[in-house]
Amino acid sequence: MKAAEALYRGTLPCFHLNETEASTDGGRRLRGRGAILMLCMVAASFAAAKDVEIRSRIDIVDGTGGTHYEVTEVIRLGDVEESHTFLVRDSSTGDRYILGRLVDYQEGQASYSISDPKGEAFVRTSFAIPRISRNREDYLREARQNPALLSIPTILSLETNAGTWSDIHTAWDDWSPLRDLRHQVRPLMNASLLEGIERMRDSVFAQPSASPFAGGVSRAVGGRERPERRL
């Protein structure tokens, strides 16, 4: 896994959406450019190129208006692969994290991960996606026409530095098996990363664009409450 700084270097057509502020209650306020402009730029980008990169800056503020987390969001849309990455800096501790989502249409694989910048401490979930196409455009078209294909059972794997756990993707939906999984995984995880995940739960993961990481990764290792979100 590459260091966070490597994500700031690229050759794809790139759009920058700055001046974004989010509150810790999950609300988002666009101080400059609005959501309509964002959508227009994304749509225009597809007309200009197949591979596109979109970046935005999000400051998550606490109740006093101070910056809690500094987040750079990077979306890369390609013909055979797409990725969604958050570069997160905790303003109170200086700790940095990478939240990553990757879909590889040629290999038929998808994953969610949370790690330190060097990838030395990480937690990742991965699973197979239906092999209905080998590129993004055809895959999305086929999924819209045949949504039942997306309900095909698949094996979900949870991986950390200490080991890998795998089961059918619905196995950890219920509270009892999820609790047993947490009891196995949490003692073996990097303590600093686990603490960082807990701190981000009600702030970074509460943002709409980052919420899939709460369901896809954080839920599997969280321990403060009985969750309702599914993997």
Foldseek 3Di string as FASTA:
>chain_A
DAFPVVVVDDDFAEEEQEQKEAELQQRIDRPPDDPVVVVVVVVVVVVVDQKYKYKYWYFYAYPVRHGQKTWIWIWIGHWFKIKIKIWIAGPVPRFIKIWMWMAGLQVQKIKTKIAGRHRPWIKMKMKGADNPDRTDVRVVVVCVVPVVSRVPWIKMWIDTPQGIDIDIQCPCQDQPVLVVQLVVPQVVGDPVRLVVLVVCVSGVCSHVVNVVCCQRTVSSNDDPDRDNHHD
